[in-house]
């Protein structure tokens, strides 16, 4: 049999103006940054809700109870957006 499948085909040269798919503006993003961007773009309302929950808990621990209650109200209002 001929060993045709074992030969490697030469790759097309990549131009300097055309960046790769995983390169953004000349820098590579870390895995946690890519995951954060993916979650924030795919699920913006739950991402903001979780961030507000964490921030309200921190405010509650510090002693800003009124601010924490306002953030929790914002979470409730964000939960109603998909129902519109």
Protein backbone atom coordinates (compact mmCIF):
# COMPACT_ATOMS: atom_id res chain seq x y z
CA UNK A 1 0.00 0.00 0.00
CA UNK A 2 1.06 3.54 -0.57
CA UNK A 3 1.75 5.70 2.45
CA UNK A 4 -0.13 8.66 1.05
CA UNK A 5 -2.03 9.42 4.25
CA UNK A 6 1.15 9.77 6.29
CA UNK A 7 2.47 12.65 4.24
CA UNK A 8 1.82 16.06 5.66
CA UNK A 9 0.40 18.72 3.42
CA UNK A 10 2.16 22.08 3.56
CA UNK A 11 0.21 24.67 5.50
CA UNK A 12 -0.78 27.95 3.94
CA UNK A 13 1.31 30.88 5.20
CA UNK A 14 -0.45 33.15 7.67
CA UNK A 15 -0.17 36.85 6.97
CA UNK A 16 0.86 39.28 9.70
CA UNK A 17 -2.32 41.37 9.30
CA UNK A 18 -4.64 38.45 10.00
CA UNK A 19 -4.63 37.45 13.69
CA UNK A 20 -5.53 33.96 14.86
CA UNK A 21 -8.92 33.13 16.32
CA UNK A 22 -7.72 33.01 19.95
CA UNK A 23 -5.66 36.19 19.75
CA UNK A 24 -7.30 39.51 20.57
CA UNK A 25 -5.30 42.66 19.83
CA UNK A 26 -2.00 40.79 20.03
CA UNK A 27 -2.56 39.30 23.49
CA UNK A 28 -3.98 35.99 24.64
CA UNK A 29 -6.61 35.97 27.34
CA UNK A 30 -6.31 33.72 30.37
CA UNK A 31 -8.84 30.90 30.77
CA UNK A 32 -10.72 32.69 33.56
CA UNK A 33 -10.99 35.86 31.48
CA UNK A 34 -12.36 33.92 28.50
CA UNK A 35 -14.84 32.13 30.76
CA UNK A 36 -15.94 35.41 32.33
CA UNK A 37 -16.46 37.04 28.94
CA UNK A 38 -18.39 34.03 27.68
CA UNK A 39 -20.70 33.96 30.70
CA UNK A 40 -21.23 37.71 30.73
CA UNK A 41 -22.10 37.79 27.03
CA UNK A 42 -24.27 34.68 27.07
CA UNK A 43 -26.12 35.32 30.34
CA UNK A 44 -26.01 39.04 31.22
CA UNK A 45 -29.00 39.14 33.59
CA UNK A 46 -27.92 36.21 35.80
CA UNK A 47 -24.34 37.52 35.84
CA UNK A 48 -25.46 40.94 37.08
CA UNK A 49 -27.82 39.31 39.61
CA UNK A 50 -25.04 37.18 41.09
CA UNK A 51 -22.71 40.18 41.23
CA UNK A 52 -25.39 42.19 43.04
CA UNK A 53 -26.01 39.34 45.48
CA UNK A 54 -22.33 39.14 46.35
CA UNK A 55 -22.04 42.92 46.67
CA UNK A 56 -25.13 43.10 48.89
CA UNK A 57 -23.72 40.41 51.17
CA UNK A 58 -20.47 42.35 51.51
CA UNK A 59 -22.42 45.54 52.28
CA UNK A 60 -24.50 43.68 54.86
CA UNK A 61 -21.37 42.32 56.58
CA UNK A 62 -19.77 45.77 56.65
CA UNK A 63 -22.91 47.34 58.11
CA UNK A 64 -24.55 49.11 55.19
CA UNK A 65 -27.89 47.38 55.60
CA UNK A 66 -29.92 49.95 53.64
CA UNK A 67 -27.58 49.69 50.66
CA UNK A 68 -27.71 45.88 50.83
CA UNK A 69 -31.53 46.01 50.83
CA UNK A 70 -31.46 48.29 47.78
CA UNK A 71 -29.22 45.84 45.94
CA UNK A 72 -31.54 42.96 46.83
CA UNK A 73 -34.46 44.99 45.47
CA UNK A 74 -32.49 45.46 42.24
CA UNK A 75 -31.99 41.67 42.05
CA UNK A 76 -35.75 41.16 42.37
CA UNK A 77 -36.42 43.71 39.64
CA UNK A 78 -33.81 42.09 37.38
CA UNK A 79 -35.57 38.79 37.88
CA UNK A 80 -38.76 40.28 36.49
CA UNK A 81 -37.18 41.54 33.25
CA UNK A 82 -37.56 38.20 31.40
CA UNK A 83 -41.26 38.16 32.28
CA UNK A 84 -41.93 41.33 30.26
